[in-house]
Amino acid sequence: MPIFEYKCCRCEENFEELVLSGSEPVTCPACGSSEVEKQFSAFSSSSGSSSSSKGSGCGSFG
């Protein structure tokens, strides 16, 4: 079940929403508007093994 990030066009609230297939339209939890835009979000993956902490943490690409 995917969780998507949205931004409200009316009040500019950023929020996440669990989206099920066939579900109702996404609405802003702050103002109730259905004028929302899906945002691109970063994701992470794990290779299963890690020998060092290099590159770990928020914003590290090394």
PDB file of N, CA and C in Angstrom:
ATOM      1  N   MET A   1       0.846  -1.175   0.000  1.00  0.00           N
ATOM      2  CA  MET A   1       0.000   0.000   0.000  1.00  0.00           C
ATOM      3  C   MET A   1       0.892   1.238   0.000  1.00  0.00           C
ATOM      4  N   PRO A   2       0.845   1.999  -1.074  1.00  0.00           N
ATOM      5  CA  PRO A   2       1.757   3.144  -1.181  1.00  0.00           C
ATOM      6  C   PRO A   2       1.311   4.353  -0.367  1.00  0.00           C
ATOM      7  N   ILE A   3       2.309   5.019   0.190  1.00  0.00           N
ATOM      8  CA  ILE A   3       2.083   6.287   0.884  1.00  0.00           C
ATOM      9  C   ILE A   3       2.688   7.371  -0.003  1.00  0.00           C
ATOM     10  N   PHE A   4       1.890   8.357  -0.367  1.00  0.00           N
ATOM     11  CA  PHE A   4       2.346   9.430  -1.233  1.00  0.00           C
ATOM     12  C   PHE A   4       2.408  10.738  -0.459  1.00  0.00           C
ATOM     13  N   GLU A   5       3.298  11.622  -0.906  1.00  0.00           N
ATOM     14  CA  GLU A   5       3.403  12.962  -0.333  1.00  0.00           C
ATOM     15  C   GLU A   5       2.639  13.924  -1.223  1.00  0.00           C
ATOM     16  N   TYR A   6       1.887  14.829  -0.591  1.00  0.00           N
ATOM     17  CA  TYR A   6       1.078  15.805  -1.309  1.00  0.00           C
ATOM     18  C   TYR A   6       1.323  17.192  -0.756  1.00  0.00           C
ATOM     19  N   LYS A   7       1.000  18.202  -1.571  1.00  0.00           N
ATOM     20  CA  LYS A   7       1.007  19.594  -1.127  1.00  0.00           C
ATOM     21  C   LYS A   7      -0.317  20.201  -1.542  1.00  0.00           C
ATOM     22  N   CYS A   8      -0.970  20.868  -0.608  1.00  0.00           N
ATOM     23  CA  CYS A   8      -2.252  21.513  -0.874  1.00  0.00           C
ATOM     24  C   CYS A   8      -2.022  22.798  -1.666  1.00  0.00           C
ATOM     25  N   CYS A   9      -2.781  22.974  -2.740  1.00  0.00           N
ATOM     26  CA  CYS A   9      -2.668  24.182  -3.567  1.00  0.00           C
ATOM     27  C   CYS A   9      -3.299  25.397  -2.881  1.00  0.00           C
ATOM     28  N   ARG A  10      -4.218  25.157  -1.970  1.00  0.00           N
ATOM     29  CA  ARG A  10      -4.924  26.257  -1.307  1.00  0.00           C
ATOM     30  C   ARG A  10      -4.149  26.789  -0.097  1.00  0.00           C
ATOM     31  N   CYS A  11      -3.788  25.917   0.849  1.00  0.00           N
ATOM     32  CA  CYS A  11      -3.131  26.387   2.082  1.00  0.00           C
ATOM     33  C   CYS A  11      -1.646  26.030   2.153  1.00  0.00           C
ATOM     34  N   GLU A  12      -1.137  25.323   1.155  1.00  0.00           N
ATOM     35  CA  GLU A  12       0.268  24.930   1.038  1.00  0.00           C
ATOM     36  C   GLU A  12       0.730  23.956   2.123  1.00  0.00           C
ATOM     37  N   GLU A  13      -0.191  23.251   2.737  1.00  0.00           N
ATOM     38  CA  GLU A  13       0.129  22.221   3.731  1.00  0.00           C
ATOM     39  C   GLU A  13       0.772  21.024   3.021  1.00  0.00           C
ATOM     40  N   ASN A  14       1.861  20.498   3.576  1.00  0.00           N
ATOM     41  CA  ASN A  14       2.477  19.265   3.092  1.00  0.00           C
ATOM     42  C   ASN A  14       1.993  18.130   3.969  1.00  0.00           C
ATOM     43  N   PHE A  15       1.607  17.012   3.342  1.00  0.00           N
ATOM     44  CA  PHE A  15       1.110  15.876   4.112  1.00  0.00           C
ATOM     45  C   PHE A  15       1.309  14.585   3.344  1.00  0.00           C
ATOM     46  N   GLU A  16       1.192  13.469   4.038  1.00  0.00           N
ATOM     47  CA  GLU A  16       1.299  12.146   3.447  1.00  0.00           C
ATOM     48  C   GLU A  16      -0.063  11.470   3.498  1.00  0.00           C
ATOM     49  N   GLU A  17      -0.334  10.628   2.509  1.00  0.00           N
ATOM     50  CA  GLU A  17      -1.619   9.946   2.441  1.00  0.00           C
ATOM     51  C   GLU A  17      -1.410   8.517   1.954  1.00  0.00           C
ATOM     52  N   LEU A  18      -1.998   7.570   2.651  1.00  0.00           N
ATOM     53  CA  LEU A  18      -2.020   6.184   2.222  1.00  0.00           C
ATOM     54  C   LEU A  18      -3.095   6.068   1.148  1.00  0.00           C
ATOM     55  N   VAL A  19      -2.706   5.628  -0.040  1.00  0.00           N
ATOM     56  CA  VAL A  19      -3.641   5.594  -1.157  1.00  0.00           C
ATOM     57  C   VAL A  19      -3.937   4.147  -1.537  1.00  0.00           C
ATOM     58  N   LEU A  20      -5.186   3.782  -1.415  1.00  0.00           N
ATOM     59  CA  LEU A  20      -5.644   2.454  -1.795  1.00  0.00           C
ATOM     60  C   LEU A  20      -6.273   2.535  -3.173  1.00  0.00           C
ATOM     61  N   SER A  21      -6.186   1.457  -3.940  1.00  0.00           N
ATOM     62  CA  SER A  21      -6.805   1.484  -5.271  1.00  0.00           C
ATOM     63  C   SER A  21      -8.315   1.619  -5.117  1.00  0.00           C
ATOM     64  N   GLY A  22      -8.904   2.467  -5.919  1.00  0.00           N
ATOM     65  CA  GLY A  22     -10.343   2.709  -5.856  1.00  0.00           C
ATOM     66  C   GLY A  22     -10.776   3.570  -4.689  1.00  0.00           C
ATOM     67  N   SER A  23      -9.828   4.224  -4.024  1.00  0.00           N
ATOM     68  CA  SER A  23     -10.183   5.042  -2.862  1.00  0.00           C
ATOM     69  C   SER A  23     -10.716   6.404  -3.301  1.00  0.00           C
ATOM     70  N   GLU A  24     -11.263   7.124  -2.357  1.00  0.00           N
ATOM     71  CA  GLU A  24     -11.809   8.453  -2.612  1.00  0.00           C
ATOM     72  C   GLU A  24     -10.673   9.426  -2.929  1.00  0.00           C
ATOM     73  N   PRO A  25     -10.983  10.573  -3.546  1.00  0.00           N
ATOM     74  CA  PRO A  25      -9.959  11.578  -3.848  1.00  0.00           C
ATOM     75  C   PRO A  25      -9.256  12.050  -2.577  1.00  0.00           C
ATOM     76  N   VAL A  26      -7.992  12.413  -2.726  1.00  0.00           N
ATOM     77  CA  VAL A  26      -7.196  12.890  -1.590  1.00  0.00           C
ATOM     78  C   VAL A  26      -7.600  14.314  -1.260  1.00  0.00           C
ATOM     79  N   THR A  27      -7.792  14.584   0.024  1.00  0.00           N
ATOM     80  CA  THR A  27      -8.106  15.935   0.483  1.00  0.00           C
ATOM     81  C   THR A  27      -7.116  16.372   1.554  1.00  0.00           C
ATOM     82  N   CYS A  28      -6.891  17.655   1.638  1.00  0.00           N
ATOM     83  CA  CYS A  28      -5.959  18.229   2.612  1.00  0.00           C
ATOM     84  C   CYS A  28      -6.530  18.076   4.020  1.00  0.00           C
ATOM     85  N   PRO A  29      -5.740  17.555   4.954  1.00  0.00           N
ATOM     86  CA  PRO A  29      -6.235  17.408   6.326  1.00  0.00           C
ATOM     87  C   PRO A  29      -6.361  18.749   7.055  1.00  0.00           C
ATOM     88  N   ALA A  30      -5.673  19.785   6.574  1.00  0.00           N
ATOM     89  CA  ALA A  30      -5.712  21.085   7.246  1.00  0.00           C
ATOM     90  C   ALA A  30      -6.933  21.910   6.850  1.00  0.00           C
ATOM     91  N   CYS A  31      -7.221  21.955   5.531  1.00  0.00           N
ATOM     92  CA  CYS A  31      -8.314  22.830   5.092  1.00  0.00           C
ATOM     93  C   CYS A  31      -9.439  22.097   4.364  1.00  0.00           C
ATOM     94  N   GLY A  32      -9.245  20.816   4.053  1.00  0.00           N
ATOM     95  CA  GLY A  32     -10.286  20.031   3.405  1.00  0.00           C
ATOM     96  C   GLY A  32     -10.356  20.173   1.898  1.00  0.00           C
ATOM     97  N   SER A  33      -9.449  20.938   1.309  1.00  0.00           N
ATOM     98  CA  SER A  33      -9.455  21.148  -0.140  1.00  0.00           C
ATOM     99  C   SER A  33      -9.044  19.872  -0.880  1.00  0.00           C
ATOM    100  N   SER A  34      -9.633  19.647  -2.030  1.00  0.00           N
ATOM    101  CA  SER A  34      -9.233  18.514  -2.866  1.00  0.00           C
ATOM    102  C   SER A  34      -8.262  18.961  -3.955  1.00  0.00           C
ATOM    103  N   GLU A  35      -7.850  20.231  -3.919  1.00  0.00           N
ATOM    104  CA  GLU A  35      -6.865  20.757  -4.856  1.00  0.00           C
ATOM    105  C   GLU A  35      -5.473  20.485  -4.306  1.00  0.00           C
ATOM    106  N   VAL A  36      -4.971  19.276  -4.546  1.00  0.00           N
ATOM    107  CA  VAL A  36      -3.668  18.856  -4.033  1.00  0.00           C
ATOM    108  C   VAL A  36      -2.792  18.386  -5.187  1.00  0.00           C
ATOM    109  N   GLU A  37      -1.485  18.507  -5.006  1.00  0.00           N
ATOM    110  CA  GLU A  37      -0.519  18.039  -5.988  1.00  0.00           C
ATOM    111  C   GLU A  37       0.350  16.964  -5.368  1.00  0.00           C
ATOM    112  N   LYS A  38       0.548  15.878  -6.101  1.00  0.00           N
ATOM    113  CA  LYS A  38       1.443  14.821  -5.637  1.00  0.00           C
ATOM    114  C   LYS A  38       2.875  15.327  -5.773  1.00  0.00           C
ATOM    115  N   GLN A  39       3.679  15.133  -4.732  1.00  0.00           N
ATOM    116  CA  GLN A  39       5.061  15.590  -4.716  1.00  0.00           C
ATOM    117  C   GLN A  39       5.999  14.429  -5.014  1.00  0.00           C
ATOM    118  N   PHE A  40       7.138  14.735  -5.587  1.00  0.00           N
ATOM    119  CA  PHE A  40       8.168  13.724  -5.758  1.00  0.00           C
ATOM    120  C   PHE A  40       8.842  13.542  -4.419  1.00  0.00           C
ATOM    121  N   SER A  41       9.112  12.312  -4.057  1.00  0.00           N
ATOM    122  CA  SER A  41       9.742  12.075  -2.767  1.00  0.00           C
ATOM    123  C   SER A  41      10.925  11.147  -2.930  1.00  0.00           C
ATOM    124  N   ALA A  42      11.865  11.285  -2.039  1.00  0.00           N
ATOM    125  CA  ALA A  42      13.038  10.415  -2.024  1.00  0.00           C
ATOM    126  C   ALA A  42      12.670   9.102  -1.363  1.00  0.00           C
ATOM    127  N   PHE A  43      13.355   8.064  -1.750  1.00  0.00           N
ATOM    128  CA  PHE A  43      13.133   6.780  -1.118  1.00  0.00           C
ATOM    129  C   PHE A  43      14.484   6.172  -0.822  1.00  0.00           C
ATOM    130  N   SER A  44      14.509   5.221   0.057  1.00  0.00           N
ATOM    131  CA  SER A  44      15.769   4.572   0.398  1.00  0.00           C
ATOM    132  C   SER A  44      15.635   3.083   0.210  1.00  0.00           C
ATOM    133  N   SER A  45      16.770   2.462   0.027  1.00  0.00           N
ATOM    134  CA  SER A  45      16.790   1.010  -0.068  1.00  0.00           C
ATOM    135  C   SER A  45      17.984   0.511   0.720  1.00  0.00           C
ATOM    136  N   SER A  46      17.930  -0.709   1.090  1.00  0.00           N
ATOM    137  CA  SER A  46      19.004  -1.305   1.858  1.00  0.00           C
ATOM    138  C   SER A  46      19.554  -2.498   1.101  1.00  0.00           C
ATOM    139  N   SER A  47      20.873  -2.580   1.010  1.00  0.00           N
ATOM    140  CA  SER A  47      21.494  -3.695   0.306  1.00  0.00           C
ATOM    141  C   SER A  47      21.603  -4.923   1.196  1.00  0.00           C
ATOM    142  N   GLY A  48      21.345  -4.746   2.472  1.00  0.00           N
ATOM    143  CA  GLY A  48      21.379  -5.876   3.389  1.00  0.00           C
ATOM    144  C   GLY A  48      22.682  -6.007   4.153  1.00  0.00           C
ATOM    145  N   SER A  49      23.747  -5.363   3.665  1.00  0.00           N
ATOM    146  CA  SER A  49      25.004  -5.407   4.391  1.00  0.00           C
ATOM    147  C   SER A  49      25.639  -4.032   4.378  1.00  0.00           C
ATOM    148  N   SER A  50      26.272  -3.697   5.463  1.00  0.00           N
ATOM    149  CA  SER A  50      26.933  -2.406   5.576  1.00  0.00           C
ATOM    150  C   SER A  50      28.190  -2.569   6.403  1.00  0.00           C
ATOM    151  N   SER A  51      29.337  -2.209   5.806  1.00  0.00           N
ATOM    152  CA  SER A  51      30.590  -2.357   6.530  1.00  0.00           C
ATOM    153  C   SER A  51      31.061  -1.046   7.125  1.00  0.00           C
ATOM    154  N   SER A  52      30.423   0.066   6.747  1.00  0.00           N
ATOM    155  CA  SER A  52      30.801   1.350   7.319  1.00  0.00           C
ATOM    156  C   SER A  52      29.571   2.238   7.413  1.00  0.00           C
ATOM    157  N   SER A  53      29.726   3.349   8.128  1.00  0.00           N
ATOM    158  CA  SER A  53      28.613   4.273   8.268  1.00  0.00           C
ATOM    159  C   SER A  53      28.696   5.412   7.265  1.00  0.00           C
ATOM    160  N   LYS A  54      29.682   5.352   6.345  1.00  0.00           N
ATOM    161  CA  LYS A  54      29.816   6.394   5.329  1.00  0.00           C
ATOM    162  C   LYS A  54      28.542   6.479   4.501  1.00  0.00           C
ATOM    163  N   GLY A  55      28.052   7.693   4.328  1.00  0.00           N
ATOM    164  CA  GLY A  55      26.867   7.901   3.519  1.00  0.00           C
ATOM    165  C   GLY A  55      25.571   7.712   4.280  1.00  0.00           C
ATOM    166  N   SER A  56      25.641   7.373   5.540  1.00  0.00           N
ATOM    167  CA  SER A  56      24.401   7.208   6.289  1.00  0.00           C
ATOM    168  C   SER A  56      23.964   8.549   6.831  1.00  0.00           C
ATOM    169  N   GLY A  57      22.708   8.679   7.060  1.00  0.00           N
ATOM    170  CA  GLY A  57      22.174   9.909   7.613  1.00  0.00           C
ATOM    171  C   GLY A  57      21.495  10.742   6.560  1.00  0.00           C
ATOM    172  N   CYS A  58      20.816  11.723   6.999  1.00  0.00           N
ATOM    173  CA  CYS A  58      20.017  12.574   6.145  1.00  0.00           C
ATOM    174  C   CYS A  58      20.900  13.471   5.283  1.00  0.00           C
ATOM    175  N   GLY A  59      20.730  13.444   3.983  1.00  0.00           N
ATOM    176  CA  GLY A  59      21.448  14.327   3.096  1.00  0.00           C
ATOM    177  C   GLY A  59      22.833  13.868   2.695  1.00  0.00           C
ATOM    178  N   SER A  60      23.268  12.690   3.096  1.00  0.00           N
ATOM    179  CA  SER A  60      24.582  12.178   2.738  1.00  0.00           C
ATOM    180  C   SER A  60      24.513  11.404   1.436  1.00  0.00           C
ATOM    181  N   PHE A  61      25.413  11.728   0.538  1.00  0.00           N
ATOM    182  CA  PHE A  61      25.429  11.038  -0.737  1.00  0.00           C
ATOM    183  C   PHE A  61      26.773  10.368  -0.998  1.00  0.00           C
ATOM    184  N   GLY A  62      27.671  10.405  -0.022  1.00  0.00           N
ATOM    185  CA  GLY A  62      29.036  10.005  -0.208  1.00  0.00           C
ATOM    186  C   GLY A  62      29.322   8.591  -0.206  1.00  0.00           C
TER     187      GLY A  62
END
